[in-house]
Amino acid sequence: MSDTTTSGSLQEEVREYYRAKAAEAETSGACCSPDPQTFGPAAYDEIGPGTAPDAALLASLGCGNPSAVAELREGETVLDLGSGGGLDVILSARRVGPDGRVFGLDFLEEMLALAARNVEDAEVENVVLLKGTIESIPLPAGTVDVIISNCVINLSLNKPAVFAEMARVLAPGGRLGISDVVAEDRLSPEERAERGGHSQCIAGALSVSEYRELLDAVGLKDAEVVFTQEAADGLHAAIIRARKPVGALAAAEPECAPGGGCC
């Protein structure tokens, strides 16, 4: 089987897995662990009544709470990569207030429809939902203050493109506050795959060193990767932070709009 065939099969596997999760949004299954007591909705134990719709909380498939990790401030512009059912979008919108704005990016119509219903139920008005991929973000360069993501980057089959896009859309001085599953450096890609599938956020996990190298390659500095809890043997839910230097120039825009198929 060619690399192209393998890549296409994995992409379709991910699509079908999360399409089914959108249809089962009333359950509390977690993306990154079979144990819903520690991942998914359980990562948001500090959320008070009425902060977000129950449907958004139950649809959470992540491994952390990136809106808290990123320490969002009033008036900031936030981008959520892989916004799913909309929980992190809603929480971020409340944190940045009416003078801020939150973009939620997802590649599935089913997830965007679910998020739209949850955003409406939450009565937040500073949210824009976008259809697209995290490898080709449909936003101009240098327009986002903060990027958050919750157990999504490990699903990408072209991670260098994801990191390049994050650096492109971040404004100078902007920052990342990401939750993801990360492998210990001792595990090979083959060993990661032995511990879980790609759609379950295990096989595609980067190691600590790989995360740092990819962040450095696109000019994102002050990187830190902090393990929070075990997802599998040698793999952990983690907090990842980094910053775009204040003096960094905005990346040049591609000749056609991101997501247009030319990139």
C-alpha atoms as a PDB file:
ATOM      1  CA  MET A   1       0.000   0.000   0.000  1.00  0.00           C
ATOM      2  CA  SER A   2       1.396   3.409  -0.973  1.00  0.00           C
ATOM      3  CA  ASP A   3       1.873   6.280   1.449  1.00  0.00           C
ATOM      4  CA  THR A   4      -0.852   8.172  -0.429  1.00  0.00           C
ATOM      5  CA  THR A   5      -3.315   5.310  -0.013  1.00  0.00           C
ATOM      6  CA  THR A   6      -2.431   4.961   3.667  1.00  0.00           C
ATOM      7  CA  SER A   7      -2.866   8.706   4.195  1.00  0.00           C
ATOM      8  CA  GLY A   8      -6.226   8.693   2.452  1.00  0.00           C
ATOM      9  CA  SER A   9      -7.425   5.729   4.500  1.00  0.00           C
ATOM     10  CA  LEU A  10      -6.415   7.390   7.766  1.00  0.00           C
ATOM     11  CA  GLN A  11      -8.113  10.647   6.790  1.00  0.00           C
ATOM     12  CA  GLU A  12     -11.332   8.789   6.040  1.00  0.00           C
ATOM     13  CA  GLU A  13     -11.023   6.862   9.317  1.00  0.00           C
ATOM     14  CA  VAL A  14     -10.776  10.135  11.239  1.00  0.00           C
ATOM     15  CA  ARG A  15     -13.728  11.644   9.358  1.00  0.00           C
ATOM     16  CA  GLU A  16     -15.963   8.669  10.023  1.00  0.00           C
ATOM     17  CA  TYR A  17     -14.921   8.411  13.674  1.00  0.00           C
ATOM     18  CA  TYR A  18     -15.771  12.041  14.433  1.00  0.00           C
ATOM     19  CA  ARG A  19     -18.854  12.027  12.233  1.00  0.00           C
ATOM     20  CA  ALA A  20     -20.140   9.206  14.445  1.00  0.00           C
ATOM     21  CA  LYS A  21     -19.135  11.136  17.569  1.00  0.00           C
ATOM     22  CA  ALA A  22     -21.146  14.129  16.378  1.00  0.00           C
ATOM     23  CA  ALA A  23     -24.158  11.856  15.942  1.00  0.00           C
ATOM     24  CA  GLU A  24     -23.633  10.477  19.442  1.00  0.00           C
ATOM     25  CA  ALA A  25     -23.160  13.872  21.073  1.00  0.00           C
ATOM     26  CA  GLU A  26     -25.462  12.981  23.945  1.00  0.00           C
ATOM     27  CA  THR A  27     -22.861  10.450  25.212  1.00  0.00           C
ATOM     28  CA  SER A  28     -19.733  11.362  27.185  1.00  0.00           C
ATOM     29  CA  GLY A  29     -17.157   9.327  25.267  1.00  0.00           C
ATOM     30  CA  ALA A  30     -13.614  10.708  25.274  1.00  0.00           C
ATOM     31  CA  CYS A  31     -11.257  10.931  22.342  1.00  0.00           C
ATOM     32  CA  CYS A  32      -8.028  10.248  24.068  1.00  0.00           C
ATOM     33  CA  SER A  33      -8.809   7.585  26.638  1.00  0.00           C
ATOM     34  CA  PRO A  34     -11.401   4.900  27.229  1.00  0.00           C
ATOM     35  CA  ASP A  35     -11.798   6.351  30.714  1.00  0.00           C
ATOM     36  CA  PRO A  36     -14.373   9.206  30.698  1.00  0.00           C
ATOM     37  CA  GLN A  37     -13.582   9.897  34.353  1.00  0.00           C
ATOM     38  CA  THR A  38     -10.322  11.645  33.468  1.00  0.00           C
ATOM     39  CA  PHE A  39     -10.730  12.912  29.883  1.00  0.00           C
ATOM     40  CA  GLY A  40     -13.486  14.603  27.869  1.00  0.00           C
ATOM     41  CA  PRO A  41     -16.055  16.357  30.107  1.00  0.00           C
ATOM     42  CA  ALA A  42     -14.096  15.419  33.252  1.00  0.00           C
ATOM     43  CA  ALA A  43     -11.367  17.902  32.256  1.00  0.00           C
ATOM     44  CA  TYR A  44     -13.842  20.746  32.897  1.00  0.00           C
ATOM     45  CA  ASP A  45     -14.718  20.039  36.502  1.00  0.00           C
ATOM     46  CA  GLU A  46     -14.472  23.729  37.403  1.00  0.00           C
ATOM     47  CA  ILE A  47     -17.270  24.795  35.045  1.00  0.00           C
ATOM     48  CA  GLY A  48     -20.200  26.217  36.968  1.00  0.00           C
ATOM     49  CA  PRO A  49     -23.885  25.724  36.148  1.00  0.00           C
ATOM     50  CA  GLY A  50     -24.968  27.673  33.073  1.00  0.00           C
ATOM     51  CA  THR A  51     -21.431  28.384  31.850  1.00  0.00           C
ATOM     52  CA  ALA A  52     -21.984  26.215  28.771  1.00  0.00           C
ATOM     53  CA  PRO A  53     -24.862  24.028  27.529  1.00  0.00           C
ATOM     54  CA  ASP A  54     -24.818  20.461  28.806  1.00  0.00           C
ATOM     55  CA  ALA A  55     -24.811  19.242  25.191  1.00  0.00           C
ATOM     56  CA  ALA A  56     -21.548  21.078  24.527  1.00  0.00           C
ATOM     57  CA  LEU A  57     -19.929  19.641  27.642  1.00  0.00           C
ATOM     58  CA  LEU A  58     -21.055  16.084  26.885  1.00  0.00           C
ATOM     59  CA  ALA A  59     -19.756  16.401  23.311  1.00  0.00           C
ATOM     60  CA  SER A  60     -16.248  17.219  24.522  1.00  0.00           C
ATOM     61  CA  LEU A  61     -13.726  14.738  23.076  1.00  0.00           C
ATOM     62  CA  GLY A  62     -10.545  16.352  24.306  1.00  0.00           C
ATOM     63  CA  CYS A  63      -7.801  15.770  26.837  1.00  0.00           C
ATOM     64  CA  GLY A  64      -7.696  19.097  28.659  1.00  0.00           C
ATOM     65  CA  ASN A  65      -9.163  22.574  29.033  1.00  0.00           C
ATOM     66  CA  PRO A  66      -7.227  24.805  26.610  1.00  0.00           C
ATOM     67  CA  SER A  67      -9.307  27.929  27.203  1.00  0.00           C
ATOM     68  CA  ALA A  68      -7.948  27.907  30.765  1.00  0.00           C
ATOM     69  CA  VAL A  69      -4.442  26.822  29.692  1.00  0.00           C
ATOM     70  CA  ALA A  70      -4.163  29.831  27.380  1.00  0.00           C
ATOM     71  CA  GLU A  71      -5.079  32.303  30.143  1.00  0.00           C
ATOM     72  CA  LEU A  72      -7.356  34.278  27.826  1.00  0.00           C
ATOM     73  CA  ARG A  73      -7.877  37.983  28.409  1.00  0.00           C
ATOM     74  CA  GLU A  74     -10.602  40.488  27.606  1.00  0.00           C
ATOM     75  CA  GLY A  75     -10.629  41.716  24.018  1.00  0.00           C
ATOM     76  CA  GLU A  76      -8.398  39.016  22.521  1.00  0.00           C
ATOM     77  CA  THR A  77      -8.988  37.236  19.217  1.00  0.00           C
ATOM     78  CA  VAL A  78      -8.873  33.464  19.639  1.00  0.00           C
ATOM     79  CA  LEU A  79      -8.726  30.593  17.161  1.00  0.00           C
ATOM     80  CA  ASP A  80      -9.801  27.090  18.227  1.00  0.00           C
ATOM     81  CA  LEU A  81      -8.316  24.433  15.941  1.00  0.00           C
ATOM     82  CA  GLY A  82     -10.749  21.536  15.672  1.00  0.00           C
ATOM     83  CA  SER A  83     -13.594  23.176  17.561  1.00  0.00           C
ATOM     84  CA  GLY A  84     -15.862  20.110  17.543  1.00  0.00           C
ATOM     85  CA  GLY A  85     -19.078  20.555  19.510  1.00  0.00           C
ATOM     86  CA  GLY A  86     -18.125  24.102  20.483  1.00  0.00           C
ATOM     87  CA  LEU A  87     -17.367  23.852  24.211  1.00  0.00           C
ATOM     88  CA  ASP A  88     -13.960  25.547  24.060  1.00  0.00           C
ATOM     89  CA  VAL A  89     -15.333  28.174  21.680  1.00  0.00           C
ATOM     90  CA  ILE A  90     -18.108  29.024  24.135  1.00  0.00           C
ATOM     91  CA  LEU A  91     -15.784  29.149  27.150  1.00  0.00           C
ATOM     92  CA  SER A  92     -13.292  31.286  25.215  1.00  0.00           C
ATOM     93  CA  ALA A  93     -16.018  33.673  24.080  1.00  0.00           C
ATOM     94  CA  ARG A  94     -17.015  34.256  27.695  1.00  0.00           C
ATOM     95  CA  ARG A  95     -13.387  34.810  28.739  1.00  0.00           C
ATOM     96  CA  VAL A  96     -12.554  37.374  26.033  1.00  0.00           C
ATOM     97  CA  GLY A  97     -15.833  39.232  26.466  1.00  0.00           C
ATOM     98  CA  PRO A  98     -17.868  41.257  23.959  1.00  0.00           C
ATOM     99  CA  ASP A  99     -14.807  43.152  22.737  1.00  0.00           C
ATOM    100  CA  GLY A 100     -13.059  39.886  21.827  1.00  0.00           C
ATOM    101  CA  ARG A 101     -13.768  37.371  19.102  1.00  0.00           C
ATOM    102  CA  VAL A 102     -13.437  33.601  18.788  1.00  0.00           C
ATOM    103  CA  PHE A 103     -13.064  31.591  15.593  1.00  0.00           C
ATOM    104  CA  GLY A 104     -13.959  27.907  15.720  1.00  0.00           C
ATOM    105  CA  LEU A 105     -12.456  25.852  12.890  1.00  0.00           C
ATOM    106  CA  ASP A 106     -13.611  22.337  12.020  1.00  0.00           C
ATOM    107  CA  PHE A 107     -13.569  20.170   8.897  1.00  0.00           C
ATOM    108  CA  LEU A 108     -16.867  18.359   9.471  1.00  0.00           C
ATOM    109  CA  GLU A 109     -20.276  19.826   8.640  1.00  0.00           C
ATOM    110  CA  GLU A 110     -21.798  17.655  11.378  1.00  0.00           C
ATOM    111  CA  MET A 111     -19.534  19.096  14.072  1.00  0.00           C
ATOM    112  CA  LEU A 112     -20.077  22.658  12.846  1.00  0.00           C
ATOM    113  CA  ALA A 113     -23.856  22.157  12.968  1.00  0.00           C
ATOM    114  CA  LEU A 114     -23.583  20.790  16.511  1.00  0.00           C
ATOM    115  CA  ALA A 115     -21.364  23.698  17.547  1.00  0.00           C
ATOM    116  CA  ALA A 116     -23.742  26.232  15.990  1.00  0.00           C
ATOM    117  CA  ARG A 117     -26.643  24.865  18.051  1.00  0.00           C
ATOM    118  CA  ASN A 118     -24.576  24.908  21.230  1.00  0.00           C
ATOM    119  CA  VAL A 119     -23.308  28.450  20.593  1.00  0.00           C
ATOM    120  CA  GLU A 120     -26.890  29.605  20.036  1.00  0.00           C
ATOM    121  CA  ASP A 121     -28.042  27.899  23.230  1.00  0.00           C
ATOM    122  CA  ALA A 122     -25.166  29.522  25.135  1.00  0.00           C
ATOM    123  CA  GLU A 123     -26.248  32.959  23.847  1.00  0.00           C
ATOM    124  CA  VAL A 124     -22.736  34.086  22.967  1.00  0.00           C
ATOM    125  CA  GLU A 125     -22.493  36.423  19.995  1.00  0.00           C
ATOM    126  CA  ASN A 126     -18.748  36.895  19.515  1.00  0.00           C
ATOM    127  CA  VAL A 127     -18.177  33.526  17.781  1.00  0.00           C
ATOM    128  CA  VAL A 128     -17.475  32.792  14.109  1.00  0.00           C
ATOM    129  CA  LEU A 129     -17.518  29.150  12.980  1.00  0.00           C
ATOM    130  CA  LEU A 130     -15.364  28.257   9.966  1.00  0.00           C
ATOM    131  CA  LYS A 131     -15.193  25.158   7.820  1.00  0.00           C
ATOM    132  CA  GLY A 132     -11.655  24.150   6.910  1.00  0.00           C
ATOM    133  CA  THR A 133      -8.628  22.136   7.900  1.00  0.00           C
ATOM    134  CA  ILE A 134      -5.930  22.906  10.418  1.00  0.00           C
ATOM    135  CA  GLU A 135      -3.336  22.404   7.667  1.00  0.00           C
ATOM    136  CA  SER A 136      -4.773  25.336   5.686  1.00  0.00           C
ATOM    137  CA  ILE A 137      -6.433  27.815   8.042  1.00  0.00           C
ATOM    138  CA  PRO A 138      -8.910  30.145   6.273  1.00  0.00           C
ATOM    139  CA  LEU A 139      -7.759  33.331   8.029  1.00  0.00           C
ATOM    140  CA  PRO A 140      -5.341  36.102   7.041  1.00  0.00           C
ATOM    141  CA  ALA A 141      -1.801  36.194   8.404  1.00  0.00           C
ATOM    142  CA  GLY A 142      -1.094  37.854  11.722  1.00  0.00           C
ATOM    143  CA  THR A 143      -4.717  38.233  12.844  1.00  0.00           C
ATOM    144  CA  VAL A 144      -5.004  35.937  15.882  1.00  0.00           C
ATOM    145  CA  ASP A 145      -3.823  36.685  19.413  1.00  0.00           C
ATOM    146  CA  VAL A 146      -4.220  33.162  20.791  1.00  0.00           C
ATOM    147  CA  ILE A 147      -4.511  29.682  19.306  1.00  0.00           C
ATOM    148  CA  ILE A 148      -6.086  26.924  21.353  1.00  0.00           C
ATOM    149  CA  SER A 149      -6.694  23.280  20.445  1.00  0.00           C
ATOM    150  CA  ASN A 150      -7.926  20.254  22.355  1.00  0.00           C
ATOM    151  CA  CYS A 151      -6.474  16.907  21.302  1.00  0.00           C
ATOM    152  CA  VAL A 152      -6.626  17.644  17.567  1.00  0.00           C
ATOM    153  CA  ILE A 153      -3.097  18.300  16.297  1.00  0.00           C
ATOM    154  CA  ASN A 154      -2.160  14.650  16.867  1.00  0.00           C
ATOM    155  CA  LEU A 155      -4.857  13.712  14.312  1.00  0.00           C
ATOM    156  CA  SER A 156      -3.164  15.593  11.470  1.00  0.00           C
ATOM    157  CA  LEU A 157      -1.230  13.658   8.836  1.00  0.00           C
ATOM    158  CA  ASN A 158       0.782  16.766   7.911  1.00  0.00           C
ATOM    159  CA  LYS A 159       1.912  18.252  11.176  1.00  0.00           C
ATOM    160  CA  PRO A 160       4.626  20.550   9.715  1.00  0.00           C
ATOM    161  CA  ALA A 161       1.842  22.271   7.722  1.00  0.00           C
ATOM    162  CA  VAL A 162      -0.207  22.719  10.911  1.00  0.00           C
ATOM    163  CA  PHE A 163       2.682  24.350  12.754  1.00  0.00           C
ATOM    164  CA  ALA A 164       3.472  26.599   9.775  1.00  0.00           C
ATOM    165  CA  GLU A 165      -0.152  27.716   9.640  1.00  0.00           C
ATOM    166  CA  MET A 166      -0.274  28.425  13.368  1.00  0.00           C
ATOM    167  CA  ALA A 167       2.807  30.624  13.064  1.00  0.00           C
ATOM    168  CA  ARG A 168       1.336  32.366  10.011  1.00  0.00           C
ATOM    169  CA  VAL A 169      -2.001  33.382  11.531  1.00  0.00           C
ATOM    170  CA  LEU A 170      -0.593  34.369  14.938  1.00  0.00           C
ATOM    171  CA  ALA A 171       0.076  38.070  15.384  1.00  0.00           C
ATOM    172  CA  PRO A 172       3.525  39.043  16.681  1.00  0.00           C
ATOM    173  CA  GLY A 173       3.396  38.543  20.436  1.00  0.00           C
ATOM    174  CA  GLY A 174       0.613  35.973  20.038  1.00  0.00           C
ATOM    175  CA  ARG A 175       0.666  32.661  21.838  1.00  0.00           C
ATOM    176  CA  LEU A 176      -0.416  29.024  21.836  1.00  0.00           C
ATOM    177  CA  GLY A 177      -2.267  27.288  24.662  1.00  0.00           C
ATOM    178  CA  ILE A 178      -2.850  23.718  23.524  1.00  0.00           C
ATOM    179  CA  SER A 179      -3.978  20.467  25.107  1.00  0.00           C
ATOM    180  CA  ASP A 180      -2.771  17.368  23.287  1.00  0.00           C
ATOM    181  CA  VAL A 181      -1.580  13.808  23.789  1.00  0.00           C
ATOM    182  CA  VAL A 182       2.232  13.706  23.705  1.00  0.00           C
ATOM    183  CA  ALA A 183       4.605  10.733  23.771  1.00  0.00           C
ATOM    184  CA  GLU A 184       7.706  10.292  25.854  1.00  0.00           C
ATOM    185  CA  ASP A 185      10.833  10.512  23.724  1.00  0.00           C
ATOM    186  CA  ARG A 186      11.621   6.857  24.391  1.00  0.00           C
ATOM    187  CA  LEU A 187       8.682   5.665  22.262  1.00  0.00           C
ATOM    188  CA  SER A 188       9.117   5.136  18.526  1.00  0.00           C
ATOM    189  CA  PRO A 189       6.201   5.870  16.160  1.00  0.00           C
ATOM    190  CA  GLU A 190       5.638   2.126  15.910  1.00  0.00           C
ATOM    191  CA  GLU A 191       5.443   1.797  19.683  1.00  0.00           C
ATOM    192  CA  ARG A 192       2.929   4.630  19.866  1.00  0.00           C
ATOM    193  CA  ALA A 193       0.750   2.881  17.279  1.00  0.00           C
ATOM    194  CA  GLU A 194       0.836  -0.306  19.348  1.00  0.00           C
ATOM    195  CA  ARG A 195      -0.818   1.562  22.243  1.00  0.00           C
ATOM    196  CA  GLY A 196      -3.834   2.951  20.381  1.00  0.00           C
ATOM    197  CA  GLY A 197      -5.352   3.990  17.087  1.00  0.00           C
ATOM    198  CA  HIS A 198      -4.962   7.203  15.125  1.00  0.00           C
ATOM    199  CA  SER A 199      -8.549   8.369  15.630  1.00  0.00           C
ATOM    200  CA  GLN A 200      -8.196   7.795  19.369  1.00  0.00           C
ATOM    201  CA  CYS A 201      -5.352  10.355  19.497  1.00  0.00           C
ATOM    202  CA  ILE A 202      -2.599   7.853  20.307  1.00  0.00           C
ATOM    203  CA  ALA A 203      -0.882   6.581  17.138  1.00  0.00           C
ATOM    204  CA  GLY A 204      -0.414  10.094  15.728  1.00  0.00           C
ATOM    205  CA  ALA A 205       0.946  11.676  18.906  1.00  0.00           C
ATOM    206  CA  LEU A 206       4.186  13.628  18.663  1.00  0.00           C
ATOM    207  CA  SER A 207       6.981  13.134  21.156  1.00  0.00           C
ATOM    208  CA  VAL A 208       8.149  15.957  23.418  1.00  0.00           C
ATOM    209  CA  SER A 209      11.245  16.504  21.257  1.00  0.00           C
ATOM    210  CA  GLU A 210       9.226  16.455  18.043  1.00  0.00           C
ATOM    211  CA  TYR A 211       6.804  19.042  19.422  1.00  0.00           C
ATOM    212  CA  ARG A 212       9.674  21.322  20.428  1.00  0.00           C
ATOM    213  CA  GLU A 213      11.437  20.892  17.079  1.00  0.00           C
ATOM    214  CA  LEU A 214       8.322  21.723  15.061  1.00  0.00           C
ATOM    215  CA  LEU A 215       7.597  24.812  17.164  1.00  0.00           C
ATOM    216  CA  ASP A 216      11.182  26.004  16.809  1.00  0.00           C
ATOM    217  CA  ALA A 217      11.183  25.363  13.057  1.00  0.00           C
ATOM    218  CA  VAL A 218       8.385  27.903  12.528  1.00  0.00           C
ATOM    219  CA  GLY A 219       9.865  30.489  14.892  1.00  0.00           C
ATOM    220  CA  LEU A 220       7.646  29.931  17.931  1.00  0.00           C
ATOM    221  CA  LYS A 221       9.651  30.439  21.106  1.00  0.00           C
ATOM    222  CA  ASP A 222       9.540  29.807  24.862  1.00  0.00           C
ATOM    223  CA  ALA A 223       8.067  26.374  24.194  1.00  0.00           C
ATOM    224  CA  GLU A 224       7.016  24.209  27.093  1.00  0.00           C
ATOM    225  CA  VAL A 225       5.448  20.751  27.133  1.00  0.00           C
ATOM    226  CA  VAL A 226       4.061  19.707  30.502  1.00  0.00           C
ATOM    227  CA  PHE A 227       2.523  16.282  31.128  1.00  0.00           C
ATOM    228  CA  THR A 228      -0.707  16.330  33.130  1.00  0.00           C
ATOM    229  CA  GLN A 229      -1.906  12.724  33.231  1.00  0.00           C
ATOM    230  CA  GLU A 230      -1.291   9.371  31.593  1.00  0.00           C
ATOM    231  CA  ALA A 231      -3.234   8.442  28.456  1.00  0.00           C
ATOM    232  CA  ALA A 232      -1.404   5.160  27.787  1.00  0.00           C
ATOM    233  CA  ASP A 233       1.969   3.647  28.673  1.00  0.00           C
ATOM    234  CA  GLY A 234       4.486   6.322  27.710  1.00  0.00           C
ATOM    235  CA  LEU A 235       1.841   8.743  26.408  1.00  0.00           C
ATOM    236  CA  HIS A 236       0.325  11.617  28.359  1.00  0.00           C
ATOM    237  CA  ALA A 237      -2.229  14.362  28.141  1.00  0.00           C
ATOM    238  CA  ALA A 238      -0.111  17.499  28.066  1.00  0.00           C
ATOM    239  CA  ILE A 239      -0.195  21.272  28.063  1.00  0.00           C
ATOM    240  CA  ILE A 240       1.810  22.921  25.274  1.00  0.00           C
ATOM    241  CA  ARG A 241       2.591  26.633  25.291  1.00  0.00           C
ATOM    242  CA  ALA A 242       4.705  28.807  22.976  1.00  0.00           C
ATOM    243  CA  ARG A 243       4.881  32.411  21.762  1.00  0.00           C
ATOM    244  CA  LYS A 244       5.485  34.254  18.515  1.00  0.00           C
ATOM    245  CA  PRO A 245       8.213  36.861  19.168  1.00  0.00           C
ATOM    246  CA  VAL A 246       6.993  40.443  19.244  1.00  0.00           C
ATOM    247  CA  GLY A 247       9.477  41.442  16.544  1.00  0.00           C
ATOM    248  CA  ALA A 248       8.490  38.608  14.199  1.00  0.00           C
ATOM    249  CA  LEU A 249       7.201  39.564  10.779  1.00  0.00           C
ATOM    250  CA  ALA A 250       3.824  38.262   9.664  1.00  0.00           C
ATOM    251  CA  ALA A 251       4.170  35.418   7.194  1.00  0.00           C
ATOM    252  CA  ALA A 252       3.384  36.221   3.584  1.00  0.00           C
ATOM    253  CA  GLU A 253      -0.051  35.203   2.362  1.00  0.00           C
ATOM    254  CA  PRO A 254      -0.234  32.374  -0.194  1.00  0.00           C
ATOM    255  CA  GLU A 255      -1.184  33.343  -3.739  1.00  0.00           C
ATOM    256  CA  CYS A 256      -4.713  32.029  -3.175  1.00  0.00           C
ATOM    257  CA  ALA A 257      -6.874  31.907  -0.094  1.00  0.00           C
ATOM    258  CA  PRO A 258      -6.132  29.146   2.431  1.00  0.00           C
ATOM    259  CA  GLY A 259      -8.482  26.243   1.968  1.00  0.00           C
ATOM    260  CA  GLY A 260      -8.827  26.951  -1.734  1.00  0.00           C
ATOM    261  CA  GLY A 261      -6.959  23.826  -2.758  1.00  0.00           C
ATOM    262  CA  CYS A 262      -3.784  25.446  -4.059  1.00  0.00           C
ATOM    263  CA  CYS A 263      -1.687  25.068  -0.917  1.00  0.00           C
END
